[in-house]
Amino acid sequence: MVVPGFNAYFNQNPLLVLYLVVHFLVDFHFQSPTMANKKKTDIRYVSYHLLVVTLGFGALLVFWPTLLSSVLLIIIAHALIDMTK
């Protein structure tokens, strides 16, 4: 199915679109500015954010259990990036 005005690359890679949507939800919609600031100094906020990331990407596994390895890779990468900021 081709969506008018949508980049052909995204049409050929719907999984990428799904991952981007989940990422934007967990990183921007479900994370308040206060949490984003406190993540820099308090490990509890990093842990809470990583829990939200895990739940967000983990929800994909309910529908597509074959995505386990890529979801785990994304969660680990997200954790490493957030902990080194």
C-alpha atoms as a PDB file:
ATOM      1  CA  MET A   1       0.000   0.000   0.000  1.00  0.00           C
ATOM      2  CA  VAL A   2       1.477   3.329  -1.050  1.00  0.00           C
ATOM      3  CA  VAL A   3       0.608   6.379   1.012  1.00  0.00           C
ATOM      4  CA  PRO A   4       0.558   9.568  -1.102  1.00  0.00           C
ATOM      5  CA  GLY A   5       3.229  12.045  -0.053  1.00  0.00           C
ATOM      6  CA  PHE A   6       5.033   9.487   2.069  1.00  0.00           C
ATOM      7  CA  ASN A   7       8.661   8.722   1.387  1.00  0.00           C
ATOM      8  CA  ALA A   8       9.091   5.566  -0.701  1.00  0.00           C
ATOM      9  CA  TYR A   9      11.775   4.309   1.681  1.00  0.00           C
ATOM     10  CA  PHE A  10       9.332   4.331   4.582  1.00  0.00           C
ATOM     11  CA  ASN A  11       6.734   2.574   2.462  1.00  0.00           C
ATOM     12  CA  GLN A  12       9.231  -0.220   1.830  1.00  0.00           C
ATOM     13  CA  ASN A  13      10.290  -0.363   5.516  1.00  0.00           C
ATOM     14  CA  PRO A  14       7.160  -0.194   7.679  1.00  0.00           C
ATOM     15  CA  LEU A  15       9.016  -1.654  10.655  1.00  0.00           C
ATOM     16  CA  LEU A  16      11.260   1.407  10.730  1.00  0.00           C
ATOM     17  CA  VAL A  17       8.180   3.634  10.841  1.00  0.00           C
ATOM     18  CA  LEU A  18       6.767   1.578  13.711  1.00  0.00           C
ATOM     19  CA  TYR A  19      10.040   1.819  15.666  1.00  0.00           C
ATOM     20  CA  LEU A  20      10.205   5.582  15.076  1.00  0.00           C
ATOM     21  CA  VAL A  21       6.631   6.079  16.258  1.00  0.00           C
ATOM     22  CA  VAL A  22       7.264   4.107  19.451  1.00  0.00           C
ATOM     23  CA  HIS A  23      10.539   5.963  20.005  1.00  0.00           C
ATOM     24  CA  PHE A  24       8.895   9.372  19.652  1.00  0.00           C
ATOM     25  CA  LEU A  25       6.107   8.318  22.014  1.00  0.00           C
ATOM     26  CA  VAL A  26       8.400   7.048  24.772  1.00  0.00           C
ATOM     27  CA  ASP A  27      11.034   9.771  24.402  1.00  0.00           C
ATOM     28  CA  PHE A  28       8.822  12.808  23.955  1.00  0.00           C
ATOM     29  CA  HIS A  29       5.179  12.148  24.752  1.00  0.00           C
ATOM     30  CA  PHE A  30       5.627   9.971  27.855  1.00  0.00           C
ATOM     31  CA  GLN A  31       8.617  11.906  29.204  1.00  0.00           C
ATOM     32  CA  SER A  32       7.960  15.241  30.875  1.00  0.00           C
ATOM     33  CA  PRO A  33      10.497  18.086  30.695  1.00  0.00           C
ATOM     34  CA  THR A  34      11.046  17.625  34.431  1.00  0.00           C
ATOM     35  CA  MET A  35      11.949  13.978  33.954  1.00  0.00           C
ATOM     36  CA  ALA A  36      14.247  14.830  31.058  1.00  0.00           C
ATOM     37  CA  ASN A  37      16.134  17.307  33.265  1.00  0.00           C
ATOM     38  CA  LYS A  38      16.282  15.064  36.331  1.00  0.00           C
ATOM     39  CA  LYS A  39      17.596  12.130  34.265  1.00  0.00           C
ATOM     40  CA  LYS A  40      20.885  14.022  34.074  1.00  0.00           C
ATOM     41  CA  THR A  41      21.474  13.867  37.837  1.00  0.00           C
ATOM     42  CA  ASP A  42      19.283  11.129  39.301  1.00  0.00           C
ATOM     43  CA  ILE A  43      19.553   7.473  38.305  1.00  0.00           C
ATOM     44  CA  ARG A  44      15.975   6.846  39.480  1.00  0.00           C
ATOM     45  CA  TYR A  45      14.641   8.971  36.628  1.00  0.00           C
ATOM     46  CA  VAL A  46      16.850   7.176  34.115  1.00  0.00           C
ATOM     47  CA  SER A  47      15.535   3.862  35.445  1.00  0.00           C
ATOM     48  CA  TYR A  48      11.931   5.021  35.218  1.00  0.00           C
ATOM     49  CA  HIS A  49      12.459   6.255  31.661  1.00  0.00           C
ATOM     50  CA  LEU A  50      14.072   2.956  30.672  1.00  0.00           C
ATOM     51  CA  LEU A  51      11.089   1.129  32.149  1.00  0.00           C
ATOM     52  CA  VAL A  52       8.795   3.210  29.926  1.00  0.00           C
ATOM     53  CA  VAL A  53      11.037   2.497  26.917  1.00  0.00           C
ATOM     54  CA  THR A  54      10.972  -1.230  27.711  1.00  0.00           C
ATOM     55  CA  LEU A  55       7.191  -1.246  28.062  1.00  0.00           C
ATOM     56  CA  GLY A  56       6.738   0.740  24.851  1.00  0.00           C
ATOM     57  CA  PHE A  57       8.955  -1.438  22.718  1.00  0.00           C
ATOM     58  CA  GLY A  58       7.921  -4.562  24.626  1.00  0.00           C
ATOM     59  CA  ALA A  59       4.320  -3.922  23.598  1.00  0.00           C
ATOM     60  CA  LEU A  60       5.380  -4.610  20.020  1.00  0.00           C
ATOM     61  CA  LEU A  61       6.309  -8.150  21.042  1.00  0.00           C
ATOM     62  CA  VAL A  62       2.678  -8.921  21.838  1.00  0.00           C
ATOM     63  CA  PHE A  63       1.878  -8.571  18.147  1.00  0.00           C
ATOM     64  CA  TRP A  64       5.253  -9.497  16.611  1.00  0.00           C
ATOM     65  CA  PRO A  65       7.210 -11.858  18.900  1.00  0.00           C
ATOM     66  CA  THR A  66       9.768 -12.405  16.138  1.00  0.00           C
ATOM     67  CA  LEU A  67      11.049  -8.851  16.743  1.00  0.00           C
ATOM     68  CA  LEU A  68      12.594  -9.855  20.071  1.00  0.00           C
ATOM     69  CA  SER A  69      16.249  -9.501  19.046  1.00  0.00           C
ATOM     70  CA  SER A  70      15.812  -6.104  17.393  1.00  0.00           C
ATOM     71  CA  VAL A  71      13.668  -4.799  20.276  1.00  0.00           C
ATOM     72  CA  LEU A  72      16.290  -5.916  22.807  1.00  0.00           C
ATOM     73  CA  LEU A  73      19.012  -4.236  20.768  1.00  0.00           C
ATOM     74  CA  ILE A  74      17.035  -0.982  20.646  1.00  0.00           C
ATOM     75  CA  ILE A  75      16.351  -1.050  24.406  1.00  0.00           C
ATOM     76  CA  ILE A  76      20.016  -1.737  25.239  1.00  0.00           C
ATOM     77  CA  ALA A  77      21.215   0.982  22.868  1.00  0.00           C
ATOM     78  CA  HIS A  78      18.687   3.425  24.304  1.00  0.00           C
ATOM     79  CA  ALA A  79      19.832   2.589  27.842  1.00  0.00           C
ATOM     80  CA  LEU A  80      23.504   3.059  26.979  1.00  0.00           C
ATOM     81  CA  ILE A  81      22.849   6.381  25.274  1.00  0.00           C
ATOM     82  CA  ASP A  82      20.707   7.688  28.132  1.00  0.00           C
ATOM     83  CA  MET A  83      23.212   6.610  30.795  1.00  0.00           C
ATOM     84  CA  THR A  84      26.138   8.291  29.051  1.00  0.00           C
ATOM     85  CA  LYS A  85      24.428  11.643  28.586  1.00  0.00           C
END
